[in-house]
Amino acid sequence: MQAKLLFSILGTRRFLGAALVALAAYVLLYLAAAQYLIVAPGEADALFAFRLLPGWRDLVFRQRAPFLFESIGALHFGPFMLFLSIPNIVIASALGLLVAANVAVSYFSFRALGLRGVRDLHALIGTIPALVSGAACCVPTLILVVGLQLTATLATVWSWLVPASALLLAGSLWWSLHRMPQQP
């Protein structure tokens, strides 16, 4: 029932567009925060370049830290350089899909409440739980961006942040979709 409702929401161009923007922004932010997407003007000889590291097969699943994997190559496009790490891209995409679904459902709820006559702040309050739990997935990214040194305690907790974020996002999405048909 919830999956059908989610696909129905994503079937509308407005909500799908919001979800795709959220997905792209999250994946780019995640990779940039993990320093796998950087601005490197003048690094490539051409506008577009691709190279794999020697021994890339041995590096595919080698971890640097929990949920942070070695890159196997680099993709240069214009002034940007993307270090290719398949597991990191998969993790960023999976979390990004959950964020995108939460954004689409929140946007749908906001619009639906507005159409029922609930305006401004009241309509926004109904979407806050999904957005707050959506921000939880950014904790690892935020720590990387802020540049805090990982202490022994934080290093221990670090391995739980990505799975906890995924669970919070999935729970928030389920809760938002579960509550939707029961709204007056």
C-alpha atoms as a PDB file:
ATOM      1  CA  MET A   1       0.000   0.000   0.000  1.00  0.00           C
ATOM      2  CA  GLN A   2       2.755   2.490   0.942  1.00  0.00           C
ATOM      3  CA  ALA A   3       4.868   1.538  -2.090  1.00  0.00           C
ATOM      4  CA  LYS A   4       1.876   2.110  -4.357  1.00  0.00           C
ATOM      5  CA  LEU A   5       1.287   5.525  -2.780  1.00  0.00           C
ATOM      6  CA  LEU A   6       4.984   6.431  -3.136  1.00  0.00           C
ATOM      7  CA  PHE A   7       5.010   5.461  -6.828  1.00  0.00           C
ATOM      8  CA  SER A   8       1.796   7.411  -7.306  1.00  0.00           C
ATOM      9  CA  ILE A   9       3.425  10.498  -5.780  1.00  0.00           C
ATOM     10  CA  LEU A  10       6.566  10.016  -7.885  1.00  0.00           C
ATOM     11  CA  GLY A  11       4.359   9.631 -10.959  1.00  0.00           C
ATOM     12  CA  THR A  12       3.595  13.347 -10.777  1.00  0.00           C
ATOM     13  CA  ARG A  13       6.151  15.464 -12.599  1.00  0.00           C
ATOM     14  CA  ARG A  14       6.354  18.133  -9.868  1.00  0.00           C
ATOM     15  CA  PHE A  15       7.161  15.666  -7.089  1.00  0.00           C
ATOM     16  CA  LEU A  16       9.453  13.556  -9.263  1.00  0.00           C
ATOM     17  CA  GLY A  17      11.371  16.710 -10.197  1.00  0.00           C
ATOM     18  CA  ALA A  18      11.798  17.635  -6.533  1.00  0.00           C
ATOM     19  CA  ALA A  19      12.962  14.092  -5.769  1.00  0.00           C
ATOM     20  CA  LEU A  20      15.506  14.098  -8.609  1.00  0.00           C
ATOM     21  CA  VAL A  21      16.916  17.468  -7.552  1.00  0.00           C
ATOM     22  CA  ALA A  22      17.212  16.216  -3.963  1.00  0.00           C
ATOM     23  CA  LEU A  23      18.871  12.988  -5.130  1.00  0.00           C
ATOM     24  CA  ALA A  24      21.426  14.771  -7.305  1.00  0.00           C
ATOM     25  CA  ALA A  25      22.180  17.387  -4.658  1.00  0.00           C
ATOM     26  CA  TYR A  26      22.601  14.780  -1.929  1.00  0.00           C
ATOM     27  CA  VAL A  27      24.875  12.499  -3.969  1.00  0.00           C
ATOM     28  CA  LEU A  28      27.057  15.428  -5.021  1.00  0.00           C
ATOM     29  CA  LEU A  29      27.189  16.782  -1.460  1.00  0.00           C
ATOM     30  CA  TYR A  30      28.008  13.364  -0.018  1.00  0.00           C
ATOM     31  CA  LEU A  31      30.821  12.741  -2.514  1.00  0.00           C
ATOM     32  CA  ALA A  32      32.177  16.274  -2.097  1.00  0.00           C
ATOM     33  CA  ALA A  33      32.114  15.999   1.691  1.00  0.00           C
ATOM     34  CA  ALA A  34      33.947  12.681   1.524  1.00  0.00           C
ATOM     35  CA  GLN A  35      36.435  14.402  -0.825  1.00  0.00           C
ATOM     36  CA  TYR A  36      35.623  12.100  -3.733  1.00  0.00           C
ATOM     37  CA  LEU A  37      34.357  15.032  -5.813  1.00  0.00           C
ATOM     38  CA  ILE A  38      36.740  17.967  -5.883  1.00  0.00           C
ATOM     39  CA  VAL A  39      37.415  21.076  -7.910  1.00  0.00           C
ATOM     40  CA  ALA A  40      40.739  20.561  -9.654  1.00  0.00           C
ATOM     41  CA  PRO A  41      41.245  23.150 -12.397  1.00  0.00           C
ATOM     42  CA  GLY A  42      44.093  22.335 -14.724  1.00  0.00           C
ATOM     43  CA  GLU A  43      44.464  18.729 -13.557  1.00  0.00           C
ATOM     44  CA  ALA A  44      43.275  17.168 -16.817  1.00  0.00           C
ATOM     45  CA  ASP A  45      44.747  17.761 -20.253  1.00  0.00           C
ATOM     46  CA  ALA A  46      41.321  17.542 -21.917  1.00  0.00           C
ATOM     47  CA  LEU A  47      37.786  18.603 -21.049  1.00  0.00           C
ATOM     48  CA  PHE A  48      36.949  14.976 -20.259  1.00  0.00           C
ATOM     49  CA  ALA A  49      39.412  12.310 -19.117  1.00  0.00           C
ATOM     50  CA  PHE A  50      39.150   8.918 -17.432  1.00  0.00           C
ATOM     51  CA  ARG A  51      41.801   6.710 -15.889  1.00  0.00           C
ATOM     52  CA  LEU A  52      41.860   3.583 -13.760  1.00  0.00           C
ATOM     53  CA  LEU A  53      44.534   2.895 -11.202  1.00  0.00           C
ATOM     54  CA  PRO A  54      46.804  -0.085 -11.747  1.00  0.00           C
ATOM     55  CA  GLY A  55      45.577  -2.918  -9.568  1.00  0.00           C
ATOM     56  CA  TRP A  56      42.113  -1.382  -9.354  1.00  0.00           C
ATOM     57  CA  ARG A  57      40.537  -4.820  -8.861  1.00  0.00           C
ATOM     58  CA  ASP A  58      42.292  -5.125  -5.507  1.00  0.00           C
ATOM     59  CA  LEU A  59      41.038  -1.707  -4.418  1.00  0.00           C
ATOM     60  CA  VAL A  60      37.321  -2.044  -5.218  1.00  0.00           C
ATOM     61  CA  PHE A  61      36.204  -3.143  -1.737  1.00  0.00           C
ATOM     62  CA  ARG A  62      39.188  -1.981   0.337  1.00  0.00           C
ATOM     63  CA  GLN A  63      37.963   0.191   3.205  1.00  0.00           C
ATOM     64  CA  ARG A  64      39.673   3.290   4.508  1.00  0.00           C
ATOM     65  CA  ALA A  65      37.184   3.582   7.345  1.00  0.00           C
ATOM     66  CA  PRO A  66      33.692   2.233   8.008  1.00  0.00           C
ATOM     67  CA  PHE A  67      31.539   3.059   4.955  1.00  0.00           C
ATOM     68  CA  LEU A  68      34.423   4.815   3.212  1.00  0.00           C
ATOM     69  CA  PHE A  69      36.181   2.908   0.434  1.00  0.00           C
ATOM     70  CA  GLU A  70      39.301   3.401  -1.709  1.00  0.00           C
ATOM     71  CA  SER A  71      38.928   4.887  -5.158  1.00  0.00           C
ATOM     72  CA  ILE A  72      39.789   2.793  -8.204  1.00  0.00           C
ATOM     73  CA  GLY A  73      40.273   5.625 -10.665  1.00  0.00           C
ATOM     74  CA  ALA A  74      39.399   9.196 -11.531  1.00  0.00           C
ATOM     75  CA  LEU A  75      37.025  10.910 -13.908  1.00  0.00           C
ATOM     76  CA  HIS A  76      37.912  14.462 -14.957  1.00  0.00           C
ATOM     77  CA  PHE A  77      35.220  16.653 -16.459  1.00  0.00           C
ATOM     78  CA  GLY A  78      35.990  20.320 -16.827  1.00  0.00           C
ATOM     79  CA  PRO A  79      37.333  21.696 -13.554  1.00  0.00           C
ATOM     80  CA  PHE A  80      35.922  18.779 -11.527  1.00  0.00           C
ATOM     81  CA  MET A  81      37.489  15.473 -10.611  1.00  0.00           C
ATOM     82  CA  LEU A  82      35.449  12.519  -9.362  1.00  0.00           C
ATOM     83  CA  PHE A  83      37.390   9.758  -7.638  1.00  0.00           C
ATOM     84  CA  LEU A  84      35.625   6.554  -8.581  1.00  0.00           C
ATOM     85  CA  SER A  85      34.713   4.358  -5.671  1.00  0.00           C
ATOM     86  CA  ILE A  86      31.843   2.054  -6.507  1.00  0.00           C
ATOM     87  CA  PRO A  87      30.817   1.275  -2.900  1.00  0.00           C
ATOM     88  CA  ASN A  88      30.865   4.984  -1.942  1.00  0.00           C
ATOM     89  CA  ILE A  89      28.754   5.884  -4.975  1.00  0.00           C
ATOM     90  CA  VAL A  90      26.299   3.081  -4.120  1.00  0.00           C
ATOM     91  CA  ILE A  91      26.037   4.238  -0.473  1.00  0.00           C
ATOM     92  CA  ALA A  92      25.563   7.870  -1.537  1.00  0.00           C
ATOM     93  CA  SER A  93      22.938   6.840  -4.085  1.00  0.00           C
ATOM     94  CA  ALA A  94      21.041   4.627  -1.628  1.00  0.00           C
ATOM     95  CA  LEU A  95      20.921   7.347   1.015  1.00  0.00           C
ATOM     96  CA  GLY A  96      20.131   9.870  -1.717  1.00  0.00           C
ATOM     97  CA  LEU A  97      17.162   7.793  -2.873  1.00  0.00           C
ATOM     98  CA  LEU A  98      15.799   7.733   0.667  1.00  0.00           C
ATOM     99  CA  VAL A  99      16.305  11.495   0.993  1.00  0.00           C
ATOM    100  CA  ALA A 100      14.649  12.034  -2.403  1.00  0.00           C
ATOM    101  CA  ALA A 101      11.644   9.904  -1.470  1.00  0.00           C
ATOM    102  CA  ASN A 102      11.271  11.785   1.815  1.00  0.00           C
ATOM    103  CA  VAL A 103      11.475  15.135   0.007  1.00  0.00           C
ATOM    104  CA  ALA A 104       8.846  14.068  -2.553  1.00  0.00           C
ATOM    105  CA  VAL A 105       6.471  12.788   0.134  1.00  0.00           C
ATOM    106  CA  SER A 106       7.007  15.895   2.277  1.00  0.00           C
ATOM    107  CA  TYR A 107       6.389  18.140  -0.718  1.00  0.00           C
ATOM    108  CA  PHE A 108       3.252  16.161  -1.581  1.00  0.00           C
ATOM    109  CA  SER A 109       2.003  16.413   2.007  1.00  0.00           C
ATOM    110  CA  PHE A 110       2.729  20.130   2.080  1.00  0.00           C
ATOM    111  CA  ARG A 111       0.780  20.653  -1.155  1.00  0.00           C
ATOM    112  CA  ALA A 112      -2.069  18.369  -0.063  1.00  0.00           C
ATOM    113  CA  LEU A 113      -2.473  20.210   3.232  1.00  0.00           C
ATOM    114  CA  GLY A 114      -2.387  23.537   1.401  1.00  0.00           C
ATOM    115  CA  LEU A 115      -5.154  22.372  -0.933  1.00  0.00           C
ATOM    116  CA  ARG A 116      -7.298  21.449   2.057  1.00  0.00           C
ATOM    117  CA  GLY A 117      -7.146  24.970   3.399  1.00  0.00           C
ATOM    118  CA  VAL A 118      -4.339  24.446   5.892  1.00  0.00           C
ATOM    119  CA  ARG A 119      -1.953  27.250   5.091  1.00  0.00           C
ATOM    120  CA  ASP A 120       1.532  28.493   5.853  1.00  0.00           C
ATOM    121  CA  LEU A 121       2.985  27.341   9.155  1.00  0.00           C
ATOM    122  CA  HIS A 122       0.396  24.647   9.837  1.00  0.00           C
ATOM    123  CA  ALA A 123       1.107  22.927   6.525  1.00  0.00           C
ATOM    124  CA  LEU A 124       4.856  23.142   7.064  1.00  0.00           C
ATOM    125  CA  ILE A 125       4.675  21.622  10.555  1.00  0.00           C
ATOM    126  CA  GLY A 126       3.282  18.415   9.055  1.00  0.00           C
ATOM    127  CA  THR A 127       6.363  17.976   6.865  1.00  0.00           C
ATOM    128  CA  ILE A 128       9.011  18.669   9.508  1.00  0.00           C
ATOM    129  CA  PRO A 129       9.400  15.062  10.833  1.00  0.00           C
ATOM    130  CA  ALA A 130      10.372  13.738   7.398  1.00  0.00           C
ATOM    131  CA  LEU A 131      12.780  16.585   6.748  1.00  0.00           C
ATOM    132  CA  VAL A 132      14.428  16.323  10.171  1.00  0.00           C
ATOM    133  CA  SER A 133      15.023  12.601   9.840  1.00  0.00           C
ATOM    134  CA  GLY A 134      16.204  13.222   6.279  1.00  0.00           C
ATOM    135  CA  ALA A 135      18.879  15.510   7.649  1.00  0.00           C
ATOM    136  CA  ALA A 136      20.081  12.708   9.929  1.00  0.00           C
ATOM    137  CA  CYS A 137      21.766  11.032   7.000  1.00  0.00           C
ATOM    138  CA  CYS A 138      23.951  14.089   6.587  1.00  0.00           C
ATOM    139  CA  VAL A 139      25.661  13.618   9.957  1.00  0.00           C
ATOM    140  CA  PRO A 140      28.622  11.723   8.453  1.00  0.00           C
ATOM    141  CA  THR A 141      28.822  14.316   5.699  1.00  0.00           C
ATOM    142  CA  LEU A 142      28.582  17.174   8.170  1.00  0.00           C
ATOM    143  CA  ILE A 143      31.400  15.754  10.269  1.00  0.00           C
ATOM    144  CA  LEU A 144      33.572  15.460   7.155  1.00  0.00           C
ATOM    145  CA  VAL A 145      32.732  18.999   6.032  1.00  0.00           C
ATOM    146  CA  VAL A 146      33.346  20.564   9.435  1.00  0.00           C
ATOM    147  CA  GLY A 147      36.617  18.676   9.598  1.00  0.00           C
ATOM    148  CA  LEU A 148      36.440  17.445  13.172  1.00  0.00           C
ATOM    149  CA  GLN A 149      39.126  15.002  14.137  1.00  0.00           C
ATOM    150  CA  LEU A 150      37.755  11.590  14.840  1.00  0.00           C
ATOM    151  CA  THR A 151      38.413  10.648  18.422  1.00  0.00           C
ATOM    152  CA  ALA A 152      38.314   7.050  19.570  1.00  0.00           C
ATOM    153  CA  THR A 153      34.712   7.475  20.707  1.00  0.00           C
ATOM    154  CA  LEU A 154      33.589   9.059  17.457  1.00  0.00           C
ATOM    155  CA  ALA A 155      35.460   6.431  15.438  1.00  0.00           C
ATOM    156  CA  THR A 156      33.520   3.769  17.312  1.00  0.00           C
ATOM    157  CA  VAL A 157      30.194   5.507  16.674  1.00  0.00           C
ATOM    158  CA  TRP A 158      31.081   6.334  13.054  1.00  0.00           C
ATOM    159  CA  SER A 159      30.366   2.811  11.854  1.00  0.00           C
ATOM    160  CA  TRP A 160      26.791   3.156  13.139  1.00  0.00           C
ATOM    161  CA  LEU A 161      25.995   6.576  11.630  1.00  0.00           C
ATOM    162  CA  VAL A 162      25.351   5.511   8.021  1.00  0.00           C
ATOM    163  CA  PRO A 163      23.143   2.517   8.928  1.00  0.00           C
ATOM    164  CA  ALA A 164      21.336   4.606  11.560  1.00  0.00           C
ATOM    165  CA  SER A 165      20.734   7.318   8.985  1.00  0.00           C
ATOM    166  CA  ALA A 166      19.365   4.786   6.522  1.00  0.00           C
ATOM    167  CA  LEU A 167      17.053   3.341   9.183  1.00  0.00           C
ATOM    168  CA  LEU A 168      15.857   6.797  10.244  1.00  0.00           C
ATOM    169  CA  LEU A 169      15.179   7.793   6.649  1.00  0.00           C
ATOM    170  CA  ALA A 170      13.343   4.553   5.890  1.00  0.00           C
ATOM    171  CA  GLY A 171      11.351   4.863   9.112  1.00  0.00           C
ATOM    172  CA  SER A 172      10.461   8.448   8.365  1.00  0.00           C
ATOM    173  CA  LEU A 173       9.357   7.557   4.854  1.00  0.00           C
ATOM    174  CA  TRP A 174       7.235   4.685   6.125  1.00  0.00           C
ATOM    175  CA  TRP A 175       5.700   6.868   8.833  1.00  0.00           C
ATOM    176  CA  SER A 176       4.925   9.685   6.402  1.00  0.00           C
ATOM    177  CA  LEU A 177       3.339   7.314   3.897  1.00  0.00           C
ATOM    178  CA  HIS A 178       1.474   5.414   6.607  1.00  0.00           C
ATOM    179  CA  ARG A 179      -0.038   8.622   8.002  1.00  0.00           C
ATOM    180  CA  MET A 180      -1.053  10.008   4.626  1.00  0.00           C
ATOM    181  CA  PRO A 181      -4.281   8.037   3.990  1.00  0.00           C
ATOM    182  CA  GLN A 182      -5.415   8.691   7.565  1.00  0.00           C
ATOM    183  CA  GLN A 183      -5.219  12.474   7.191  1.00  0.00           C
ATOM    184  CA  PRO A 184      -8.612  14.197   7.160  1.00  0.00           C
END
